[in-house]
Amino acid sequence: MSKDGKKYIDELRDGREIYLHGKLVENHVDHPAFRHAVRSVAAMYDYQARPENLEQMTYASPTTGERVSRMWQLPTSYIELVERRHALESWAQLSSGFLGRSPDHVASVISGMYMGMDVFRQSGEKFAEALSGYYEYARDNDLYLTYVIINPQADRSKSASEQANKFLVAGVVDEDHEGITIKGAKMLGTGCPMSNEVLVAAIQPLKPGDERYSFTAMVPLNAKGVKILSRKSYEEAATSTFDNPLSSSFDENDSVLYFDEVKVPWDRVFVHNDIKMAQSQWHSTPAHVYQNYQCQVRVMVKMRFLLGLARKITETNGIIGFPSVKETLGQMAAEVSMVEGLVEAMEVSGSMYGKYFVPSAKRLYAAIVLTQQLYPKLVHTLRELAGGGMIMLPSSVEDFANPELARLIGETQQSPVTDSLGRVKLFKLAWDAVGSEFGSRHLQYEMFYSGATMVTRGHAFRSYDWDRATGMVDDVMKGYGLPQAAADQQTKAHSA
């Protein structure tokens, strides 16, 4: 039987240490800062467990025969890759793409690493065995994983080992026959209140002297010594679902994780004391491509949602017939369609990695570079189309309970296509998507979750087929030269 929402929620009642507003949170699953987001994820598990969705959303575990999420599927063909994408796309639609680190994200990382098992064997058979065993464990238990793979910013001109505090960044402080002990901090722990375990690793380049930070390990979020330092909860600040339809349900939260001498057994360690392998695990295996392919599927859904918002705003404001508005919507539609096309192109242009079929890195990195630019552009255009409509709204749903205020709302919130309630609902949704603290956080997230622009453009540069492009130039240049007389003169000049 596929994992459902009840089982998922029961697993989270594990006594983890989450700190918010200066206090330890008791029973975070039911706390006002996290409870609705937790249940939004539970709804994802319930969705995949429905009998009518089982075939689309799950497949049989090769080990147990039980149904598990397709987020763990390892496609061996183009058809299987698309099959998996349809499941991921359906999951993303449940949150309109606003759960940025939904369970399928880090599952894609671990799956991509598993595909590259031979790369891990180069570092040591015990690490490959640990990865293999963990992948099967996480798959068969349908775990929700997150990761912390970025260092606290501190002095960014210095490496991890050069910081004033050598354990500012999480590093190995001790090791013995049982495993390693890690101490220090990592970020960006998105989804920690909703996840079962966290992948702790380094994606930023390391250099000689940084060996203690070159480890990759899986840690349960309730492990002794793991401290989750939560940012402000937008869910907790949401006054109602009506007033904050997105932030009240999909605030996945972000956290700094501090590891206070956390012991990790060897069977949960995939990389240790190996600077080269700390990078190879991402880029010499399908991991980085597979994880960011999942991101692009989600962003595609999210941008489709924003486009729908834009269209409904123009209809609600009665400006859909203006030629300039149709032109703006047409531009937005073309850009969203381009992202959809790039996702399909990643699949069509995919290739075999051993026995696995993986998306095209070239098409993927092009999509990342472009969506980092397109998402802010869509948000800005949406703001322009909405004008003051997203600001001049009733203070809360309670205004409708006051008969006199309800009458005035009816007088002042009008539209040619809906009533005052419909207009207010739409613009509350639009503001939560692009203007609230929740919406602003998503703008920042989409601009940087896959790396700074210089990093993502570097990936696009590295993965492009430059020989093909420059070869075309060379072929054209071979087809012409100096006229004979000029060529003879050139020869004489060189001889002299």
Protein backbone atom coordinates (compact mmCIF):
# COMPACT_ATOMS: atom_id res chain seq x y z
CA MET A 1 0.00 0.00 0.00
CA SER A 2 1.30 3.45 -0.91
CA LYS A 3 2.23 5.81 1.93
CA ASP A 4 -0.62 8.15 2.82
CA GLY A 5 -0.92 11.46 4.65
CA LYS A 6 -1.71 9.99 8.06
CA LYS A 7 1.40 7.83 8.08
CA TYR A 8 3.48 10.79 6.93
CA ILE A 9 2.18 13.03 9.74
CA ASP A 10 2.67 10.31 12.35
CA GLU A 11 6.33 10.01 11.29
CA LEU A 12 6.90 13.72 11.93
CA ARG A 13 5.95 13.46 15.60
CA ASP A 14 9.54 12.65 16.46
CA GLY A 15 10.63 15.24 19.02
CA ARG A 16 12.93 17.26 16.74
CA GLU A 17 14.39 20.55 18.05
CA ILE A 18 12.85 23.49 16.18
CA TYR A 19 13.40 26.98 17.58
CA LEU A 20 11.08 29.90 16.82
CA HIS A 21 10.63 33.25 18.61
CA GLY A 22 13.33 32.35 21.11
CA LYS A 23 11.67 29.13 22.23
CA LEU A 24 11.75 25.42 21.55
CA VAL A 25 8.62 24.48 19.60
CA GLU A 26 6.63 21.71 21.24
CA ASN A 27 4.76 19.40 18.85
CA HIS A 28 5.65 21.32 15.67
CA VAL A 29 3.20 19.24 13.60
CA ASP A 30 0.27 21.06 15.23
CA HIS A 31 1.99 24.41 15.82
CA PRO A 32 0.40 27.46 14.07
CA ALA A 33 3.71 28.15 12.33
CA PHE A 34 3.87 24.79 10.54
CA ARG A 35 0.64 22.81 10.76
CA HIS A 36 -0.98 23.78 7.46
CA ALA A 37 2.20 23.31 5.43
CA VAL A 38 2.63 19.87 6.99
CA ARG A 39 -0.92 19.00 5.97
CA SER A 40 -0.37 20.31 2.46
CA VAL A 41 2.41 17.74 2.11
CA ALA A 42 0.17 15.12 3.69
CA ALA A 43 -2.35 15.91 0.94
CA MET A 44 0.34 15.08 -1.63
CA TYR A 45 0.81 11.64 -0.09
CA ASP A 46 -2.97 11.17 0.08
CA TYR A 47 -3.26 12.14 -3.57
CA GLN A 48 -0.76 9.50 -4.68
CA ALA A 49 -2.44 6.88 -2.48
CA ARG A 50 -5.86 7.25 -4.07
CA PRO A 51 -6.80 4.15 -6.05
CA GLU A 52 -7.47 6.18 -9.20
CA ASN A 53 -4.01 7.80 -8.99
CA LEU A 54 -1.87 4.82 -7.99
CA GLU A 55 -0.76 3.91 -11.51
CA GLN A 56 0.18 7.46 -12.48
CA MET A 57 1.79 8.47 -9.19
CA THR A 58 3.46 5.27 -7.96
CA TYR A 59 5.30 2.16 -9.08
CA ALA A 60 6.20 -1.14 -7.47
CA SER A 61 9.38 -1.16 -5.40
CA PRO A 62 11.85 -3.66 -6.93
CA THR A 63 12.67 -4.81 -3.39
CA THR A 64 9.32 -5.11 -1.62
CA GLY A 65 6.75 -4.97 -4.41
CA GLU A 66 4.89 -2.26 -2.45
CA ARG A 67 3.77 0.89 -4.24
CA VAL A 68 6.15 3.84 -3.79
CA SER A 69 6.22 7.33 -5.28
CA ARG A 70 7.53 7.77 -8.80
CA MET A 71 9.88 10.41 -7.39
CA TRP A 72 12.18 7.42 -6.76
CA GLN A 73 11.81 6.00 -10.27
CA LEU A 74 15.01 5.48 -12.29
CA PRO A 75 13.92 5.82 -15.92
CA THR A 76 15.55 3.52 -18.45
CA SER A 77 13.85 5.10 -21.48
CA TYR A 78 12.38 8.34 -22.76
CA ILE A 79 8.88 6.98 -22.14
CA GLU A 80 9.66 6.25 -18.49
CA LEU A 81 11.19 9.70 -18.00
CA VAL A 82 8.01 11.36 -19.31
CA GLU A 83 5.92 8.98 -17.21
CA ARG A 84 7.75 10.13 -14.10
CA ARG A 85 7.42 13.79 -15.11
CA HIS A 86 3.65 13.47 -15.36
CA ALA A 87 3.62 12.34 -11.71
CA LEU A 88 5.88 15.20 -10.60
CA GLU A 89 3.79 17.69 -12.56
CA SER A 90 0.59 16.45 -10.90
CA TRP A 91 2.16 16.84 -7.47
CA ALA A 92 3.36 20.39 -8.30
CA GLN A 93 -0.14 21.37 -9.38
CA LEU A 94 -1.46 20.66 -5.87
CA SER A 95 0.51 23.69 -4.63
CA SER A 96 0.55 25.62 -7.93
CA GLY A 97 4.32 25.12 -7.80
CA PHE A 98 4.74 27.02 -4.50
CA LEU A 99 6.25 24.09 -2.59
CA GLY A 100 9.77 24.69 -3.85
CA ARG A 101 11.36 21.78 -2.03
CA SER A 102 8.59 19.24 -2.18
CA PRO A 103 9.47 15.59 -1.47
CA ASP A 104 10.42 14.89 -5.10
CA HIS A 105 13.30 17.38 -5.10
CA VAL A 106 15.91 15.75 -2.87
CA ALA A 107 14.55 12.33 -3.84
CA SER A 108 15.76 13.29 -7.31
CA VAL A 109 19.20 14.11 -5.88
CA ILE A 110 19.56 10.73 -4.17
CA SER A 111 18.22 8.95 -7.24
CA GLY A 112 20.70 10.77 -9.48
CA MET A 113 23.54 9.85 -7.15
CA TYR A 114 22.39 6.24 -7.18
CA MET A 115 22.52 6.23 -10.98
CA GLY A 116 26.16 7.29 -10.65
CA MET A 117 27.10 4.50 -8.29
CA ASP A 118 30.34 3.80 -10.19
CA VAL A 119 31.54 7.32 -9.39
CA PHE A 120 31.07 6.65 -5.68
CA ARG A 121 32.93 3.34 -5.98
CA GLN A 122 36.00 5.30 -7.05
CA SER A 123 36.02 6.86 -3.60
CA GLY A 124 35.50 3.55 -1.81
CA GLU A 125 33.20 0.56 -1.97
CA LYS A 126 31.83 1.25 1.51
CA PHE A 127 30.54 4.64 0.37
CA ALA A 128 28.84 3.14 -2.68
CA GLU A 129 27.23 0.49 -0.49
CA ALA A 130 26.04 3.14 1.96
CA LEU A 131 24.44 5.14 -0.86
CA SER A 132 22.83 2.06 -2.38
CA GLY A 133 21.42 0.92 0.93
CA TYR A 134 20.12 4.36 1.78
CA TYR A 135 18.44 4.88 -1.60
CA GLU A 136 16.54 1.62 -1.17
CA TYR A 137 15.62 2.50 2.42
CA ALA A 138 14.36 5.99 1.51
CA ARG A 139 12.51 4.67 -1.54
CA ASP A 140 10.77 1.82 0.27
CA ASN A 141 9.74 4.13 3.12
CA ASP A 142 8.81 6.96 0.73
CA LEU A 143 10.72 9.46 2.83
CA TYR A 144 10.48 13.20 2.47
CA LEU A 145 14.08 14.44 2.35
CA THR A 146 15.52 17.93 2.34
CA TYR A 147 19.11 19.14 2.16
CA VAL A 148 21.55 21.72 3.48
CA ILE A 149 24.36 22.10 0.95
CA ILE A 150 25.31 25.78 1.26
CA ASN A 151 27.64 27.33 3.84
CA PRO A 152 26.58 30.21 6.11
CA GLN A 153 27.60 33.36 4.24
CA ALA A 154 29.94 34.90 6.83
CA ASP A 155 33.12 36.14 5.06
CA ARG A 156 32.50 34.96 1.51
CA SER A 157 35.98 35.98 0.41
CA LYS A 158 37.35 33.08 2.48
CA SER A 159 36.95 29.32 2.24
CA ALA A 160 35.37 27.22 5.00
CA SER A 161 38.74 26.44 6.59
CA GLU A 162 39.77 30.12 6.56
CA GLN A 163 36.82 31.41 8.60
CA ALA A 164 37.58 32.76 12.09
CA ASN A 165 35.65 29.85 13.57
CA LYS A 166 36.76 26.61 11.90
CA PHE A 167 33.40 25.04 12.80
CA LEU A 168 31.23 27.88 11.56
CA VAL A 169 30.65 25.60 8.57
CA ALA A 170 29.60 22.07 9.45
CA GLY A 171 32.66 19.84 9.40
CA VAL A 172 33.90 16.55 10.76
CA VAL A 173 35.16 17.05 14.31
CA ASP A 174 35.78 13.38 15.06
CA GLU A 175 35.50 9.88 13.61
CA ASP A 176 35.75 6.33 14.90
CA HIS A 177 34.73 2.82 13.91
CA GLU A 178 31.05 3.75 14.30
CA GLY A 179 30.99 6.82 12.08
CA ILE A 180 31.72 10.54 11.92
CA THR A 181 30.76 13.40 14.24
CA ILE A 182 29.85 16.71 12.64
CA LYS A 183 29.78 20.18 14.14
CA GLY A 184 28.80 23.57 12.72
CA ALA A 185 26.09 25.10 10.55
CA LYS A 186 24.66 24.68 7.05
CA MET A 187 21.86 26.30 5.08
CA LEU A 188 19.37 26.61 3.35
CA GLY A 189 17.20 24.13 5.24
CA THR A 190 13.99 24.63 3.30
CA GLY A 191 11.23 22.26 4.37
CA CYS A 192 12.92 21.05 7.58
CA PRO A 193 9.69 21.10 9.63
CA MET A 194 8.05 18.82 7.04
CA SER A 195 10.92 16.47 6.15
CA ASN A 196 12.01 13.16 7.64
CA GLU A 197 15.76 13.48 7.09
CA VAL A 198 18.32 15.92 5.74
CA LEU A 199 21.18 15.46 3.28
CA VAL A 200 24.23 17.36 4.55
CA ALA A 201 26.79 18.02 1.83
CA ALA A 202 28.89 20.66 0.05
CA ILE A 203 27.94 21.89 -3.42
CA GLN A 204 30.19 24.95 -3.31
CA PRO A 205 33.77 24.31 -4.51
CA LEU A 206 36.26 23.30 -1.83
CA LYS A 207 40.03 23.63 -1.92
CA PRO A 208 43.00 21.98 -0.17
CA GLY A 209 42.64 22.59 3.54
CA ASP A 210 38.85 22.15 3.40
CA GLU A 211 38.94 18.36 3.75
CA ARG A 212 36.96 18.27 7.00
CA TYR A 213 34.02 19.90 5.17
CA SER A 214 34.08 17.46 2.24
CA PHE A 215 31.55 14.96 3.52
CA THR A 216 28.06 13.88 2.48
CA ALA A 217 25.75 12.29 5.03
CA MET A 218 22.08 11.62 5.75
CA VAL A 219 20.84 12.74 9.16
CA PRO A 220 17.37 12.25 10.70
CA LEU A 221 15.98 15.63 11.68
CA ASN A 222 15.34 14.40 15.20
CA ALA A 223 18.91 13.18 15.68
CA LYS A 224 20.54 14.23 18.94
CA GLY A 225 22.34 17.55 18.49
CA VAL A 226 20.42 18.74 15.39
CA LYS A 227 19.05 22.21 16.05
CA ILE A 228 16.63 23.76 13.53
CA LEU A 229 16.70 27.57 13.65
CA SER A 230 13.54 28.64 11.84
CA ARG A 231 12.99 31.92 10.09
CA LYS A 232 9.77 33.85 10.70
CA SER A 233 6.75 31.79 9.72
CA TYR A 234 4.54 33.40 7.07
CA GLU A 235 1.92 30.77 7.84
CA GLU A 236 1.77 31.88 11.46
CA ALA A 237 1.34 35.50 10.33
CA ALA A 238 -1.46 34.63 7.89
CA THR A 239 -4.76 35.86 9.32
CA SER A 240 -6.91 33.39 7.38
CA THR A 241 -6.94 31.20 4.30
CA PHE A 242 -9.19 33.76 2.61
CA ASP A 243 -6.72 36.59 3.20
CA ASN A 244 -3.58 34.53 2.55
CA PRO A 245 -4.59 31.55 0.41
CA LEU A 246 -0.99 30.57 -0.44
CA SER A 247 1.09 31.52 2.58
CA SER A 248 -1.43 29.93 4.95
CA SER A 249 -0.96 26.56 3.24
CA PHE A 250 2.39 26.38 1.45
CA ASP A 251 4.96 28.16 3.61
CA GLU A 252 7.55 25.37 3.59
CA ASN A 253 9.80 27.41 5.89
CA ASP A 254 13.55 27.89 5.66
CA SER A 255 16.01 27.17 8.45
CA VAL A 256 19.64 27.27 9.43
CA LEU A 257 20.70 23.89 10.77
CA TYR A 258 23.27 23.71 13.53
CA PHE A 259 24.90 20.36 14.19
CA ASP A 260 26.03 20.22 17.81
CA GLU A 261 28.42 17.27 17.55
CA VAL A 262 25.97 15.00 15.73
CA LYS A 263 27.05 11.38 15.32
CA VAL A 264 26.42 9.86 11.88
CA PRO A 265 26.97 6.11 11.35
CA TRP A 266 29.11 4.99 8.41
CA ASP A 267 26.13 3.45 6.62
CA ARG A 268 24.74 6.99 6.25
CA VAL A 269 28.00 8.54 4.95
CA PHE A 270 28.47 8.71 1.16
CA VAL A 271 31.53 11.01 0.94
CA HIS A 272 34.26 11.60 3.51
CA ASN A 273 37.52 13.56 3.46
CA ASP A 274 37.48 13.79 -0.33
CA ILE A 275 37.37 17.25 -1.93
CA LYS A 276 37.25 15.89 -5.46
CA MET A 277 34.36 13.54 -4.70
CA ALA A 278 32.43 16.31 -2.95
CA GLN A 279 32.11 17.93 -6.40
CA SER A 280 31.99 14.78 -8.52
CA GLN A 281 28.89 13.55 -6.71
CA TRP A 282 26.96 16.43 -8.29
CA HIS A 283 28.42 16.80 -11.75
CA SER A 284 29.98 13.44 -12.63
CA THR A 285 26.70 11.68 -11.81
CA PRO A 286 23.20 12.65 -13.03
CA ALA A 287 22.39 14.15 -9.59
CA HIS A 288 22.63 17.84 -10.46
CA VAL A 289 20.77 17.42 -13.74
CA TYR A 290 18.08 15.19 -12.25
CA GLN A 291 17.38 17.49 -9.29
CA ASN A 292 17.19 20.63 -11.40
CA TYR A 293 15.03 18.90 -13.99
CA GLN A 294 12.51 18.38 -11.17
CA CYS A 295 12.82 22.10 -10.38
CA GLN A 296 12.06 23.06 -13.95
CA VAL A 297 8.96 20.86 -13.97
CA ARG A 298 7.78 22.68 -10.84
CA VAL A 299 8.69 26.15 -12.14
CA MET A 300 6.83 25.37 -15.36
CA VAL A 301 3.68 24.69 -13.31
CA LYS A 302 4.21 27.82 -11.21
CA MET A 303 4.68 30.08 -14.22
CA ARG A 304 1.56 28.59 -15.81
CA PHE A 305 -0.31 29.55 -12.63
CA LEU A 306 1.00 33.14 -12.75
CA LEU A 307 -0.05 33.38 -16.39
CA GLY A 308 -3.53 32.25 -15.40
CA LEU A 309 -3.59 34.92 -12.69
CA ALA A 310 -2.60 37.57 -15.23
CA ARG A 311 -5.38 36.57 -17.61
CA LYS A 312 -8.03 36.55 -14.87
CA ILE A 313 -6.87 39.95 -13.57
CA THR A 314 -7.29 41.51 -16.99
CA GLU A 315 -10.74 39.95 -17.35
CA THR A 316 -11.75 41.09 -13.85
CA ASN A 317 -10.58 44.64 -14.56
CA GLY A 318 -12.31 44.71 -17.94
CA ILE A 319 -9.13 45.39 -19.90
CA ILE A 320 -8.79 42.06 -21.71
CA GLY A 321 -10.00 43.67 -24.94
CA PHE A 322 -7.28 46.33 -25.02
CA PRO A 323 -4.78 45.60 -27.82
CA SER A 324 -1.83 46.50 -25.59
CA VAL A 325 -3.06 44.09 -22.90
CA LYS A 326 -3.48 41.27 -25.39
CA GLU A 327 0.06 41.97 -26.60
CA THR A 328 1.37 41.79 -23.02
CA LEU A 329 -0.49 38.55 -22.32
CA GLY A 330 0.75 37.16 -25.63
CA GLN A 331 4.35 37.88 -24.62
CA MET A 332 3.81 36.22 -21.25
CA ALA A 333 2.15 33.22 -22.90
CA ALA A 334 5.06 32.86 -25.33
CA GLU A 335 7.56 32.86 -22.46
CA VAL A 336 5.63 30.31 -20.41
CA SER A 337 5.20 28.15 -23.51
CA MET A 338 8.96 28.36 -24.08
CA VAL A 339 9.58 26.99 -20.58
CA GLU A 340 7.12 24.17 -21.26
CA GLY A 341 8.94 23.48 -24.52
CA LEU A 342 12.31 23.42 -22.78
CA VAL A 343 11.06 20.80 -20.31
CA GLU A 344 9.90 18.67 -23.22
CA ALA A 345 13.20 19.31 -25.01
CA MET A 346 15.18 18.11 -21.98
CA GLU A 347 13.33 14.82 -22.33
CA VAL A 348 13.44 14.47 -26.12
CA SER A 349 17.14 15.37 -26.14
CA GLY A 350 17.92 13.10 -23.20
CA SER A 351 20.50 10.34 -23.39
CA MET A 352 21.56 7.12 -21.75
CA TYR A 353 23.77 7.21 -18.68
CA GLY A 354 24.64 3.57 -18.34
CA LYS A 355 21.27 1.85 -18.27
CA TYR A 356 19.40 5.00 -17.23
CA PHE A 357 17.79 7.64 -19.45
CA VAL A 358 18.48 11.15 -18.15
CA PRO A 359 17.43 14.64 -19.32
CA SER A 360 19.68 16.76 -21.52
CA ALA A 361 22.06 18.89 -19.45
CA LYS A 362 22.40 21.38 -22.29
CA ARG A 363 18.66 22.04 -22.46
CA LEU A 364 18.34 22.01 -18.66
CA TYR A 365 20.98 24.65 -18.00
CA ALA A 366 19.54 26.84 -20.75
CA ALA A 367 16.18 26.62 -19.01
CA ILE A 368 17.66 27.50 -15.60
CA VAL A 369 19.37 30.61 -16.95
CA LEU A 370 16.20 31.75 -18.69
CA THR A 371 13.74 31.02 -15.87
CA GLN A 372 15.92 32.96 -13.42
CA GLN A 373 15.20 35.95 -15.65
CA LEU A 374 11.64 35.12 -16.65
CA TYR A 375 10.17 34.57 -13.18
CA PRO A 376 10.97 38.12 -11.94
CA LYS A 377 9.76 39.45 -15.27
CA LEU A 378 6.43 37.63 -14.96
CA VAL A 379 5.99 38.94 -11.41
CA HIS A 380 6.73 42.51 -12.54
CA THR A 381 4.30 42.28 -15.46
CA LEU A 382 1.62 40.84 -13.20
CA ARG A 383 2.04 43.82 -10.89
CA GLU A 384 1.71 46.19 -13.83
CA LEU A 385 -1.50 44.54 -15.04
CA ALA A 386 -3.03 44.57 -11.54
CA GLY A 387 -2.22 48.19 -10.72
CA GLY A 388 -3.68 49.27 -7.39
CA GLY A 389 -6.12 46.39 -7.31
CA MET A 390 -3.81 44.23 -5.19
CA ILE A 391 -3.41 46.99 -2.60
CA MET A 392 -6.90 48.46 -2.20
CA LEU A 393 -8.51 45.43 -0.59
CA PRO A 394 -10.60 44.86 2.54
CA SER A 395 -8.44 44.46 5.63
CA SER A 396 -9.59 40.90 6.26
CA VAL A 397 -12.36 38.38 5.72
CA GLU A 398 -13.98 39.76 8.88
CA ASP A 399 -14.99 42.90 6.98
CA PHE A 400 -17.56 40.79 5.15
CA ALA A 401 -19.17 39.85 8.48
CA ASN A 402 -20.05 43.51 9.13
CA PRO A 403 -23.25 44.28 7.15
CA GLU A 404 -22.38 47.92 6.55
CA LEU A 405 -18.81 47.12 5.48
CA ALA A 406 -20.06 44.29 3.28
CA ARG A 407 -22.39 46.77 1.55
CA LEU A 408 -19.54 49.21 0.99
CA ILE A 409 -17.30 46.44 -0.32
CA GLY A 410 -20.02 45.63 -2.82
CA GLU A 411 -20.11 49.28 -3.88
CA THR A 412 -16.33 49.72 -4.21
CA GLN A 413 -15.08 46.32 -5.41
CA GLN A 414 -16.74 45.91 -8.77
CA SER A 415 -16.00 44.00 -11.94
CA PRO A 416 -17.73 43.33 -15.26
CA VAL A 417 -17.26 39.55 -14.89
CA THR A 418 -17.68 38.74 -11.17
CA ASP A 419 -19.17 40.02 -7.94
CA SER A 420 -17.29 41.90 -5.21
CA LEU A 421 -16.45 38.70 -3.35
CA GLY A 422 -14.95 37.14 -6.46
CA ARG A 423 -12.89 40.23 -7.16
CA VAL A 424 -11.52 40.41 -3.61
CA LYS A 425 -10.68 36.68 -3.60
CA LEU A 426 -8.72 36.98 -6.85
CA PHE A 427 -6.71 40.00 -5.78
CA LYS A 428 -5.98 38.55 -2.34
CA LEU A 429 -4.57 35.51 -4.15
CA ALA A 430 -2.55 37.66 -6.53
CA TRP A 431 -1.06 39.74 -3.70
CA ASP A 432 -0.10 36.62 -1.75
CA ALA A 433 1.60 35.24 -4.85
CA VAL A 434 3.72 38.27 -5.71
CA GLY A 435 3.47 41.04 -3.08
CA SER A 436 3.27 39.55 0.40
CA GLU A 437 6.29 38.44 2.43
CA PHE A 438 5.53 34.95 1.16
CA GLY A 439 5.46 36.16 -2.44
CA SER A 440 8.66 38.18 -2.03
CA ARG A 441 10.40 35.16 -0.55
CA HIS A 442 9.39 33.14 -3.63
CA LEU A 443 10.82 35.79 -5.93
CA GLN A 444 14.15 35.55 -4.11
CA TYR A 445 13.96 31.75 -4.08
CA GLU A 446 13.35 31.41 -7.81
CA MET A 447 16.20 33.81 -8.58
CA PHE A 448 18.79 31.91 -6.54
CA TYR A 449 17.72 28.36 -5.62
CA SER A 450 19.79 26.85 -8.42
CA GLY A 451 22.76 29.15 -7.82
CA ALA A 452 23.88 32.69 -8.54
CA THR A 453 23.49 33.75 -12.17
CA MET A 454 27.24 33.52 -12.75
CA VAL A 455 27.07 29.88 -11.61
CA THR A 456 24.08 28.88 -13.72
CA ARG A 457 25.46 30.67 -16.79
CA GLY A 458 28.71 28.83 -16.17
CA HIS A 459 26.79 25.54 -16.32
CA ALA A 460 25.22 26.64 -19.61
CA PHE A 461 28.65 27.54 -20.97
CA ARG A 462 30.15 24.24 -19.84
CA SER A 463 27.39 22.03 -21.24
CA TYR A 464 26.87 23.67 -24.64
CA ASP A 465 28.16 21.99 -27.83
CA TRP A 466 30.62 24.71 -28.78
CA ASP A 467 32.40 22.54 -31.37
CA ARG A 468 29.21 22.32 -33.35
CA ALA A 469 28.68 26.09 -33.29
CA THR A 470 32.27 27.14 -33.99
CA GLY A 471 32.59 24.35 -36.56
CA MET A 472 29.86 26.02 -38.60
CA VAL A 473 31.87 29.25 -38.56
CA ASP A 474 35.00 27.38 -39.62
CA ASP A 475 33.15 25.66 -42.47
CA VAL A 476 31.94 28.99 -43.83
CA MET A 477 35.40 30.52 -43.55
CA LYS A 478 36.89 27.59 -45.49
CA GLY A 479 34.68 28.50 -48.42
CA TYR A 480 36.30 31.83 -49.23
CA GLY A 481 39.66 33.57 -49.22
CA LEU A 482 41.64 36.29 -50.90
CA PRO A 483 41.33 36.74 -54.67
CA GLN A 484 44.26 35.14 -56.49
CA ALA A 485 46.07 38.41 -57.17
CA ALA A 486 45.82 39.47 -53.57
CA ALA A 487 46.87 36.01 -52.42
CA ASP A 488 49.97 36.18 -54.64
CA GLN A 489 50.81 39.57 -53.22
CA GLN A 490 50.37 38.21 -49.68
CA THR A 491 52.76 35.36 -50.48
CA LYS A 492 55.39 37.75 -51.82
CA ALA A 493 55.07 39.97 -48.73
CA HIS A 494 55.64 36.98 -46.45
CA SER A 495 58.62 35.81 -48.51
CA ALA A 496 60.24 39.20 -48.23
